[in-house]
PDB file of N, CA and C in Angstrom:
ATOM      1  N   UNK A   1      29.282 -37.929 119.239  1.00  0.00           N
ATOM      2  CA  UNK A   1      28.344 -39.058 119.332  1.00  0.00           C
ATOM      3  C   UNK A   1      27.408 -39.001 120.509  1.00  0.00           C
ATOM      4  N   UNK A   2      26.023 -39.070 120.321  1.00  0.00           N
ATOM      5  CA  UNK A   2      25.035 -38.894 121.234  1.00  0.00           C
ATOM      6  C   UNK A   2      24.565 -40.283 121.741  1.00  0.00           C
ATOM      7  N   UNK A   3      24.757 -40.555 123.139  1.00  0.00           N
ATOM      8  CA  UNK A   3      24.017 -41.752 123.551  1.00  0.00           C
ATOM      9  C   UNK A   3      23.153 -41.420 124.547  1.00  0.00           C
ATOM     10  N   UNK A   4      22.226 -42.366 124.696  1.00  0.00           N
ATOM     11  CA  UNK A   4      21.111 -42.405 125.804  1.00  0.00           C
ATOM     12  C   UNK A   4      21.420 -43.319 126.646  1.00  0.00           C
ATOM     13  N   UNK A   5      21.510 -42.969 127.976  1.00  0.00           N
ATOM     14  CA  UNK A   5      21.728 -43.943 129.115  1.00  0.00           C
ATOM     15  C   UNK A   5      20.409 -44.808 129.488  1.00  0.00           C
ATOM     16  N   UNK A   6      20.475 -45.744 129.945  1.00  0.00           N
ATOM     17  CA  UNK A   6      19.258 -46.662 130.696  1.00  0.00           C
ATOM     18  C   UNK A   6      18.528 -45.693 131.659  1.00  0.00           C
ATOM     19  N   UNK A   7      19.230 -44.870 132.365  1.00  0.00           N
ATOM     20  CA  UNK A   7      18.540 -44.038 133.250  1.00  0.00           C
ATOM     21  C   UNK A   7      18.005 -42.928 132.622  1.00  0.00           C
ATOM     22  N   UNK A   8      18.332 -42.452 131.635  1.00  0.00           N
ATOM     23  CA  UNK A   8      17.452 -41.329 130.915  1.00  0.00           C
ATOM     24  C   UNK A   8      16.233 -42.036 130.283  1.00  0.00           C
ATOM     25  N   UNK A   9      16.389 -43.119 129.784  1.00  0.00           N
ATOM     26  CA  UNK A   9      15.357 -43.824 129.039  1.00  0.00           C
ATOM     27  C   UNK A   9      14.167 -44.160 130.106  1.00  0.00           C
ATOM     28  N   UNK A  10      14.722 -44.567 131.151  1.00  0.00           N
ATOM     29  CA  UNK A  10      13.753 -44.871 132.200  1.00  0.00           C
ATOM     30  C   UNK A  10      13.046 -43.731 132.783  1.00  0.00           C
ATOM     31  N   UNK A  11      13.577 -42.599 132.979  1.00  0.00           N
ATOM     32  CA  UNK A  11      13.233 -41.461 133.327  1.00  0.00           C
ATOM     33  C   UNK A  11      12.143 -40.899 132.367  1.00  0.00           C
ATOM     34  N   UNK A  12      12.512 -40.808 130.979  1.00  0.00           N
ATOM     35  CA  UNK A  12      11.365 -40.520 129.869  1.00  0.00           C
ATOM     36  C   UNK A  12      10.227 -41.465 130.075  1.00  0.00           C
ATOM     37  N   UNK A  13      10.243 -42.717 130.239  1.00  0.00           N
ATOM     38  CA  UNK A  13       9.365 -43.599 130.283  1.00  0.00           C
ATOM     39  C   UNK A  13       8.464 -43.344 131.620  1.00  0.00           C
ATOM     40  N   UNK A  14       9.185 -42.905 132.736  1.00  0.00           N
ATOM     41  CA  UNK A  14       8.301 -42.539 133.807  1.00  0.00           C
ATOM     42  C   UNK A  14       7.531 -41.254 133.672  1.00  0.00           C
ATOM     43  N   UNK A  15       8.045 -40.217 133.032  1.00  0.00           N
ATOM     44  CA  UNK A  15       7.483 -38.983 132.706  1.00  0.00           C
ATOM     45  C   UNK A  15       6.334 -39.327 131.723  1.00  0.00           C
ATOM     46  N   UNK A  16       6.326 -40.171 130.853  1.00  0.00           N
ATOM     47  CA  UNK A  16       5.413 -40.447 130.010  1.00  0.00           C
ATOM     48  C   UNK A  16       4.455 -41.574 130.264  1.00  0.00           C
ATOM     49  N   UNK A  17       4.648 -41.984 131.665  1.00  0.00           N
ATOM     50  CA  UNK A  17       3.640 -42.950 132.221  1.00  0.00           C
ATOM     51  C   UNK A  17       3.561 -44.309 131.375  1.00  0.00           C
ATOM     52  N   UNK A  18       4.917 -44.681 130.889  1.00  0.00           N
ATOM     53  CA  UNK A  18       4.871 -45.985 130.102  1.00  0.00           C
ATOM     54  C   UNK A  18       5.711 -46.781 130.959  1.00  0.00           C
ATOM     55  N   UNK A  19       5.270 -48.115 131.180  1.00  0.00           N
ATOM     56  CA  UNK A  19       5.875 -49.146 131.906  1.00  0.00           C
ATOM     57  C   UNK A  19       6.753 -49.850 131.023  1.00  0.00           C
ATOM     58  N   UNK A  20       8.097 -49.847 131.466  1.00  0.00           N
ATOM     59  CA  UNK A  20       9.241 -50.561 130.508  1.00  0.00           C
ATOM     60  C   UNK A  20       9.887 -51.694 131.614  1.00  0.00           C
ATOM     61  N   UNK A  21      10.148 -52.932 130.979  1.00  0.00           N
ATOM     62  CA  UNK A  21      10.866 -53.829 131.848  1.00  0.00           C
ATOM     63  C   UNK A  21      12.334 -53.263 131.530  1.00  0.00           C
ATOM     64  N   UNK A  22      13.191 -53.967 132.344  1.00  0.00           N
ATOM     65  CA  UNK A  22      14.557 -53.674 132.291  1.00  0.00           C
ATOM     66  C   UNK A  22      15.446 -54.030 130.886  1.00  0.00           C
ATOM     67  N   UNK A  23      14.857 -55.052 130.347  1.00  0.00           N
ATOM     68  CA  UNK A  23      15.239 -55.207 128.933  1.00  0.00           C
ATOM     69  C   UNK A  23      14.721 -54.323 127.946  1.00  0.00           C
ATOM     70  N   UNK A  24      13.685 -53.772 127.965  1.00  0.00           N
ATOM     71  CA  UNK A  24      13.035 -52.848 127.177  1.00  0.00           C
ATOM     72  C   UNK A  24      13.882 -51.705 127.389  1.00  0.00           C
ATOM     73  N   UNK A  25      13.955 -51.238 128.541  1.00  0.00           N
ATOM     74  CA  UNK A  25      14.798 -50.088 128.628  1.00  0.00           C
ATOM     75  C   UNK A  25      16.070 -49.914 128.161  1.00  0.00           C
ATOM     76  N   UNK A  26      17.043 -51.023 128.419  1.00  0.00           N
ATOM     77  CA  UNK A  26      18.207 -51.198 127.751  1.00  0.00           C
ATOM     78  C   UNK A  26      18.134 -51.235 126.158  1.00  0.00           C
ATOM     79  N   UNK A  27      17.227 -52.017 125.641  1.00  0.00           N
ATOM     80  CA  UNK A  27      16.985 -52.024 124.093  1.00  0.00           C
ATOM     81  C   UNK A  27      16.750 -50.618 123.505  1.00  0.00           C
ATOM     82  N   UNK A  28      15.807 -49.970 124.205  1.00  0.00           N
ATOM     83  CA  UNK A  28      15.383 -48.643 123.860  1.00  0.00           C
ATOM     84  C   UNK A  28      16.610 -47.655 123.875  1.00  0.00           C
ATOM     85  N   UNK A  29      17.340 -47.700 124.954  1.00  0.00           N
ATOM     86  CA  UNK A  29      18.484 -46.989 125.055  1.00  0.00           C
ATOM     87  C   UNK A  29      19.569 -47.031 123.910  1.00  0.00           C
ATOM     88  N   UNK A  30      19.801 -48.395 123.401  1.00  0.00           N
ATOM     89  CA  UNK A  30      20.666 -48.865 122.364  1.00  0.00           C
ATOM     90  C   UNK A  30      20.126 -48.265 121.149  1.00  0.00           C
ATOM     91  N   UNK A  31      18.619 -48.356 120.791  1.00  0.00           N
ATOM     92  CA  UNK A  31      18.134 -47.881 119.699  1.00  0.00           C
ATOM     93  C   UNK A  31      17.832 -46.469 119.554  1.00  0.00           C
ATOM     94  N   UNK A  32      17.658 -45.755 120.617  1.00  0.00           N
ATOM     95  CA  UNK A  32      17.736 -44.188 120.612  1.00  0.00           C
ATOM     96  C   UNK A  32      19.065 -43.651 120.261  1.00  0.00           C
ATOM     97  N   UNK A  33      20.083 -44.311 120.815  1.00  0.00           N
ATOM     98  CA  UNK A  33      21.570 -43.966 120.385  1.00  0.00           C
ATOM     99  C   UNK A  33      21.722 -43.949 119.016  1.00  0.00           C
ATOM    100  N   UNK A  34      21.323 -45.217 118.309  1.00  0.00           N
ATOM    101  CA  UNK A  34      21.520 -45.310 116.903  1.00  0.00           C
ATOM    102  C   UNK A  34      20.820 -44.268 116.074  1.00  0.00           C
ATOM    103  N   UNK A  35      19.540 -43.985 116.399  1.00  0.00           N
ATOM    104  CA  UNK A  35      18.673 -42.849 115.779  1.00  0.00           C
ATOM    105  C   UNK A  35      19.321 -41.492 116.002  1.00  0.00           C
ATOM    106  N   UNK A  36      19.861 -41.289 117.229  1.00  0.00           N
ATOM    107  CA  UNK A  36      20.525 -39.974 117.314  1.00  0.00           C
ATOM    108  C   UNK A  36      21.726 -39.932 116.621  1.00  0.00           C
ATOM    109  N   UNK A  37      22.695 -40.853 116.494  1.00  0.00           N
ATOM    110  CA  UNK A  37      23.814 -40.927 115.601  1.00  0.00           C
ATOM    111  C   UNK A  37      23.379 -40.769 114.012  1.00  0.00           C
ATOM    112  N   UNK A  38      22.452 -41.403 113.765  1.00  0.00           N
ATOM    113  CA  UNK A  38      21.958 -41.173 112.295  1.00  0.00           C
ATOM    114  C   UNK A  38      21.494 -39.739 111.990  1.00  0.00           C
ATOM    115  N   UNK A  39      20.757 -39.073 112.965  1.00  0.00           N
ATOM    116  CA  UNK A  39      20.337 -37.807 112.663  1.00  0.00           C
ATOM    117  C   UNK A  39      21.528 -36.856 112.686  1.00  0.00           C
ATOM    118  N   UNK A  40      22.403 -37.213 113.466  1.00  0.00           N
ATOM    119  CA  UNK A  40      23.770 -36.351 113.691  1.00  0.00           C
ATOM    120  C   UNK A  40      24.418 -36.407 112.205  1.00  0.00           C
ATOM    121  N   UNK A  41      24.320 -37.650 111.628  1.00  0.00           N
ATOM    122  CA  UNK A  41      25.164 -37.967 110.320  1.00  0.00           C
ATOM    123  C   UNK A  41      24.381 -37.130 109.113  1.00  0.00           C
ATOM    124  N   UNK A  42      23.090 -37.016 109.191  1.00  0.00           N
ATOM    125  CA  UNK A  42      22.463 -36.329 108.357  1.00  0.00           C
ATOM    126  C   UNK A  42      22.610 -34.682 108.529  1.00  0.00           C
ATOM    127  N   UNK A  43      22.724 -34.413 109.782  1.00  0.00           N
ATOM    128  CA  UNK A  43      22.943 -32.798 110.004  1.00  0.00           C
ATOM    129  C   UNK A  43      24.324 -32.345 109.632  1.00  0.00           C
ATOM    130  N   UNK A  44      25.184 -33.287 109.468  1.00  0.00           N
ATOM    131  CA  UNK A  44      26.479 -32.914 109.310  1.00  0.00           C
ATOM    132  C   UNK A  44      26.784 -33.067 107.552  1.00  0.00           C
ATOM    133  N   UNK A  45      25.720 -33.069 106.763  1.00  0.00           N
ATOM    134  CA  UNK A  45      26.022 -33.341 105.333  1.00  0.00           C
ATOM    135  C   UNK A  45      26.297 -32.020 104.845  1.00  0.00           C
ATOM    136  N   UNK A  46      27.435 -31.759 104.010  1.00  0.00           N
ATOM    137  CA  UNK A  46      27.808 -30.477 103.437  1.00  0.00           C
ATOM    138  C   UNK A  46      26.811 -29.758 102.808  1.00  0.00           C
ATOM    139  N   UNK A  47      26.649 -28.508 102.794  1.00  0.00           N
ATOM    140  CA  UNK A  47      25.432 -27.708 102.272  1.00  0.00           C
ATOM    141  C   UNK A  47      25.650 -27.734 100.678  1.00  0.00           C
ATOM    142  N   UNK A  48      26.687 -28.012 100.038  1.00  0.00           N
ATOM    143  CA  UNK A  48      26.786 -27.989  98.484  1.00  0.00           C
ATOM    144  C   UNK A  48      26.257 -29.416  98.093  1.00  0.00           C
ATOM    145  N   UNK A  49      25.884 -30.382  98.905  1.00  0.00           N
ATOM    146  CA  UNK A  49      25.286 -31.644  98.512  1.00  0.00           C
ATOM    147  C   UNK A  49      23.628 -31.397  98.236  1.00  0.00           C
ATOM    148  N   UNK A  50      23.253 -31.470  97.206  1.00  0.00           N
ATOM    149  CA  UNK A  50      21.907 -31.101  96.692  1.00  0.00           C
ATOM    150  C   UNK A  50      20.878 -32.347  97.061  1.00  0.00           C
ATOM    151  N   UNK A  51      19.677 -31.935  97.808  1.00  0.00           N
ATOM    152  CA  UNK A  51      18.679 -32.745  98.298  1.00  0.00           C
ATOM    153  C   UNK A  51      18.301 -33.752  96.890  1.00  0.00           C
ATOM    154  N   UNK A  52      18.147 -35.049  97.195  1.00  0.00           N
ATOM    155  CA  UNK A  52      17.476 -35.908  96.107  1.00  0.00           C
ATOM    156  C   UNK A  52      16.098 -36.552  96.673  1.00  0.00           C
ATOM    157  N   UNK A  53      15.240 -36.688  95.533  1.00  0.00           N
ATOM    158  CA  UNK A  53      13.990 -37.244  95.734  1.00  0.00           C
ATOM    159  C   UNK A  53      14.100 -38.875  95.740  1.00  0.00           C
ATOM    160  N   UNK A  54      15.106 -39.291  94.980  1.00  0.00           N
ATOM    161  CA  UNK A  54      15.479 -40.810  94.795  1.00  0.00           C
ATOM    162  C   UNK A  54      16.766 -41.088  95.107  1.00  0.00           C
ATOM    163  N   UNK A  55      17.114 -42.021  95.588  1.00  0.00           N
ATOM    164  CA  UNK A  55      18.425 -42.356  95.845  1.00  0.00           C
ATOM    165  C   UNK A  55      19.409 -42.814  94.596  1.00  0.00           C
ATOM    166  N   UNK A  56      18.606 -43.033  93.421  1.00  0.00           N
ATOM    167  CA  UNK A  56      19.496 -43.123  92.138  1.00  0.00           C
ATOM    168  C   UNK A  56      18.815 -42.154  91.163  1.00  0.00           C
ATOM    169  N   UNK A  57      19.658 -41.870  90.187  1.00  0.00           N
ATOM    170  CA  UNK A  57      19.105 -40.854  89.198  1.00  0.00           C
ATOM    171  C   UNK A  57      18.256 -41.795  88.272  1.00  0.00           C
ATOM    172  N   UNK A  58      17.030 -41.048  87.854  1.00  0.00           N
ATOM    173  CA  UNK A  58      16.050 -41.634  87.032  1.00  0.00           C
ATOM    174  C   UNK A  58      16.504 -41.367  85.634  1.00  0.00           C
ATOM    175  N   UNK A  59      16.672 -42.337  84.770  1.00  0.00           N
ATOM    176  CA  UNK A  59      17.137 -42.089  83.312  1.00  0.00           C
ATOM    177  C   UNK A  59      15.938 -41.618  82.514  1.00  0.00           C
ATOM    178  N   UNK A  60      14.709 -41.824  82.865  1.00  0.00           N
ATOM    179  CA  UNK A  60      13.622 -41.500  82.250  1.00  0.00           C
ATOM    180  C   UNK A  60      12.380 -41.271  83.167  1.00  0.00           C
ATOM    181  N   UNK A  61      11.527 -40.493  82.599  1.00  0.00           N
ATOM    182  CA  UNK A  61      10.264 -40.261  83.407  1.00  0.00           C
ATOM    183  C   UNK A  61       9.380 -41.510  83.458  1.00  0.00           C
ATOM    184  N   UNK A  62       8.935 -41.943  84.688  1.00  0.00           N
ATOM    185  CA  UNK A  62       8.287 -43.099  84.861  1.00  0.00           C
ATOM    186  C   UNK A  62       6.564 -42.796  84.821  1.00  0.00           C
ATOM    187  N   UNK A  63       6.278 -41.557  84.718  1.00  0.00           N
ATOM    188  CA  UNK A  63       4.929 -41.313  84.657  1.00  0.00           C
ATOM    189  C   UNK A  63       4.446 -41.273  83.210  1.00  0.00           C
ATOM    190  N   UNK A  64       3.310 -41.595  83.008  1.00  0.00           N
ATOM    191  CA  UNK A  64       2.704 -41.511  81.636  1.00  0.00           C
ATOM    192  C   UNK A  64       2.009 -40.068  81.375  1.00  0.00           C
ATOM    193  N   UNK A  65       2.051 -39.830  80.142  1.00  0.00           N
ATOM    194  CA  UNK A  65       1.465 -38.505  79.716  1.00  0.00           C
ATOM    195  C   UNK A  65      -0.007 -38.597  80.311  1.00  0.00           C
ATOM    196  N   UNK A  66      -0.576 -37.287  80.635  1.00  0.00           N
ATOM    197  CA  UNK A  66      -1.794 -37.141  81.144  1.00  0.00           C
ATOM    198  C   UNK A  66      -2.859 -36.825  79.783  1.00  0.00           C
ATOM    199  N   UNK A  67      -3.582 -37.816  79.543  1.00  0.00           N
ATOM    200  CA  UNK A  67      -4.294 -37.752  78.271  1.00  0.00           C
ATOM    201  C   UNK A  67      -5.793 -37.476  78.536  1.00  0.00           C
ATOM    202  N   UNK A  68      -6.407 -36.612  78.168  1.00  0.00           N
ATOM    203  CA  UNK A  68      -7.712 -36.333  78.158  1.00  0.00           C
ATOM    204  C   UNK A  68      -8.680 -37.399  77.474  1.00  0.00           C
ATOM    205  N   UNK A  69      -9.607 -38.110  78.127  1.00  0.00           N
ATOM    206  CA  UNK A  69     -10.512 -39.075  77.540  1.00  0.00           C
ATOM    207  C   UNK A  69     -11.890 -39.017  77.751  1.00  0.00           C
ATOM    208  N   UNK A  70     -12.647 -39.881  77.483  1.00  0.00           N
ATOM    209  CA  UNK A  70     -13.994 -40.043  77.683  1.00  0.00           C
ATOM    210  C   UNK A  70     -14.204 -40.414  79.093  1.00  0.00           C
ATOM    211  N   UNK A  71     -15.119 -39.436  79.892  1.00  0.00           N
ATOM    212  CA  UNK A  71     -15.322 -40.097  81.230  1.00  0.00           C
ATOM    213  C   UNK A  71     -16.446 -41.250  81.171  1.00  0.00           C
ATOM    214  N   UNK A  72     -16.449 -41.984  82.298  1.00  0.00           N
ATOM    215  CA  UNK A  72     -17.256 -43.084  82.420  1.00  0.00           C
ATOM    216  C   UNK A  72     -18.738 -42.365  82.478  1.00  0.00           C
ATOM    217  N   UNK A  73     -19.600 -43.343  81.972  1.00  0.00           N
ATOM    218  CA  UNK A  73     -20.979 -42.864  82.170  1.00  0.00           C
ATOM    219  C   UNK A  73     -21.337 -43.468  83.525  1.00  0.00           C
ATOM    220  N   UNK A  74     -22.537 -42.825  84.129  1.00  0.00           N
ATOM    221  CA  UNK A  74     -23.107 -43.134  85.401  1.00  0.00           C
ATOM    222  C   UNK A  74     -23.151 -44.688  85.485  1.00  0.00           C
ATOM    223  N   UNK A  75     -23.948 -45.289  84.398  1.00  0.00           N
ATOM    224  CA  UNK A  75     -24.124 -46.765  84.412  1.00  0.00           C
ATOM    225  C   UNK A  75     -22.727 -47.584  84.392  1.00  0.00           C
ATOM    226  N   UNK A  76     -21.804 -46.890  83.552  1.00  0.00           N
ATOM    227  CA  UNK A  76     -20.506 -47.666  83.640  1.00  0.00           C
ATOM    228  C   UNK A  76     -19.685 -47.582  85.039  1.00  0.00           C
ATOM    229  N   UNK A  77     -19.827 -46.401  85.572  1.00  0.00           N
ATOM    230  CA  UNK A  77     -19.274 -46.196  86.956  1.00  0.00           C
ATOM    231  C   UNK A  77     -19.928 -47.099  88.137  1.00  0.00           C
ATOM    232  N   UNK A  78     -21.147 -47.291  88.034  1.00  0.00           N
ATOM    233  CA  UNK A  78     -21.906 -48.047  88.941  1.00  0.00           C
ATOM    234  C   UNK A  78     -21.901 -49.672  88.650  1.00  0.00           C
ATOM    235  N   UNK A  79     -21.490 -50.004  87.365  1.00  0.00           N
ATOM    236  CA  UNK A  79     -21.545 -51.472  87.087  1.00  0.00           C
ATOM    237  C   UNK A  79     -20.852 -52.315  88.053  1.00  0.00           C
ATOM    238  N   UNK A  80     -19.904 -51.928  88.605  1.00  0.00           N
ATOM    239  CA  UNK A  80     -18.995 -52.715  89.449  1.00  0.00           C
ATOM    240  C   UNK A  80     -19.341 -52.536  91.014  1.00  0.00           C
ATOM    241  N   UNK A  81     -20.231 -51.788  91.208  1.00  0.00           N
ATOM    242  CA  UNK A  81     -20.446 -51.369  92.647  1.00  0.00           C
ATOM    243  C   UNK A  81     -21.497 -52.538  93.107  1.00  0.00           C
ATOM    244  N   UNK A  82     -21.148 -52.999  94.432  1.00  0.00           N
ATOM    245  CA  UNK A  82     -22.119 -54.016  94.841  1.00  0.00           C
ATOM    246  C   UNK A  82     -23.721 -53.512  95.132  1.00  0.00           C
ATOM    247  N   UNK A  83     -23.816 -52.217  95.288  1.00  0.00           N
ATOM    248  CA  UNK A  83     -25.142 -51.689  95.514  1.00  0.00           C
ATOM    249  C   UNK A  83     -25.219 -50.223  95.072  1.00  0.00           C
ATOM    250  N   UNK A  84     -26.304 -49.793  94.315  1.00  0.00           N
ATOM    251  CA  UNK A  84     -26.449 -48.400  93.997  1.00  0.00           C
ATOM    252  C   UNK A  84     -28.001 -48.211  94.058  1.00  0.00           C
ATOM    253  N   UNK A  85     -28.148 -46.827  94.214  1.00  0.00           N
ATOM    254  CA  UNK A  85     -29.524 -46.352  94.277  1.00  0.00           C
ATOM    255  C   UNK A  85     -29.797 -44.838  93.780  1.00  0.00           C
ATOM    256  N   UNK A  86     -30.585 -44.646  92.907  1.00  0.00           N
ATOM    257  CA  UNK A  86     -30.758 -43.256  92.506  1.00  0.00           C
ATOM    258  C   UNK A  86     -29.387 -42.641  91.889  1.00  0.00           C
ATOM    259  N   UNK A  87     -28.659 -43.536  90.973  1.00  0.00           N
ATOM    260  CA  UNK A  87     -27.475 -43.310  90.287  1.00  0.00           C
ATOM    261  C   UNK A  87     -26.459 -42.709  91.291  1.00  0.00           C
ATOM    262  N   UNK A  88     -26.319 -43.527  92.518  1.00  0.00           N
ATOM    263  CA  UNK A  88     -25.238 -43.371  93.414  1.00  0.00           C
ATOM    264  C   UNK A  88     -24.983 -44.485  94.075  1.00  0.00           C
ATOM    265  N   UNK A  89     -23.538 -44.478  94.487  1.00  0.00           N
ATOM    266  CA  UNK A  89     -23.104 -45.650  95.288  1.00  0.00           C
ATOM    267  C   UNK A  89     -23.968 -45.846  96.394  1.00  0.00           C
ATOM    268  N   UNK A  90     -24.417 -47.008  96.959  1.00  0.00           N
ATOM    269  CA  UNK A  90     -24.981 -47.190  98.216  1.00  0.00           C
ATOM    270  C   UNK A  90     -24.034 -47.909  98.996  1.00  0.00           C
ATOM    271  N   UNK A  91     -23.908 -47.226 100.229  1.00  0.00           N
ATOM    272  CA  UNK A  91     -22.865 -47.720 101.198  1.00  0.00           C
ATOM    273  C   UNK A  91     -23.450 -47.979 102.568  1.00  0.00           C
ATOM    274  N   UNK A  92     -22.933 -48.728 103.448  1.00  0.00           N
ATOM    275  CA  UNK A  92     -23.670 -48.988 104.590  1.00  0.00           C
ATOM    276  C   UNK A  92     -23.479 -47.679 105.626  1.00  0.00           C
ATOM    277  N   UNK A  93     -24.595 -47.437 106.312  1.00  0.00           N
ATOM    278  CA  UNK A  93     -24.619 -46.181 107.320  1.00  0.00           C
ATOM    279  C   UNK A  93     -23.651 -46.558 108.397  1.00  0.00           C
ATOM    280  N   UNK A  94     -22.732 -45.699 108.793  1.00  0.00           N
ATOM    281  CA  UNK A  94     -21.565 -45.987 109.778  1.00  0.00           C
ATOM    282  C   UNK A  94     -21.886 -45.055 111.040  1.00  0.00           C
ATOM    283  N   UNK A  95     -22.427 -43.881 110.790  1.00  0.00           N
ATOM    284  CA  UNK A  95     -22.612 -42.829 111.819  1.00  0.00           C
ATOM    285  C   UNK A  95     -23.730 -42.907 112.647  1.00  0.00           C
ATOM    286  N   UNK A  96     -24.811 -43.610 112.351  1.00  0.00           N
ATOM    287  CA  UNK A  96     -25.864 -43.744 113.169  1.00  0.00           C
ATOM    288  C   UNK A  96     -26.837 -42.549 112.915  1.00  0.00           C
ATOM    289  N   UNK A  97     -26.735 -41.849 111.888  1.00  0.00           N
ATOM    290  CA  UNK A  97     -27.648 -40.736 111.481  1.00  0.00           C
ATOM    291  C   UNK A  97     -28.733 -41.318 110.664  1.00  0.00           C
ATOM    292  N   UNK A  98     -29.831 -40.397 110.701  1.00  0.00           N
ATOM    293  CA  UNK A  98     -30.983 -40.805 109.906  1.00  0.00           C
ATOM    294  C   UNK A  98     -30.553 -40.447 108.457  1.00  0.00           C
ATOM    295  N   UNK A  99     -31.103 -41.129 107.495  1.00  0.00           N
ATOM    296  CA  UNK A  99     -30.797 -41.038 106.037  1.00  0.00           C
ATOM    297  C   UNK A  99     -31.424 -39.857 105.487  1.00  0.00           C
TER     298      UNK A  99
END
């Protein structure tokens, strides 16, 4: 079991130039201890346990088949745009560069 003392948290905060109140130091010491314990639990998982992408087994594939279709025409793509010019989306200039 790994635990962080208030003195360790205060030292780390000092090194990182982070000002913490006494209540914050105590709270972070407790939270860091819980995190360290959780990491230790994961580190002790037996090697025969296979990694999982989901916590439950999926009964069927939730992705639809990728079907080739007709692409949108330029006019259809630009139909919902607030502004367009020369068959392109028109957006506000944000970098201060000349157009």
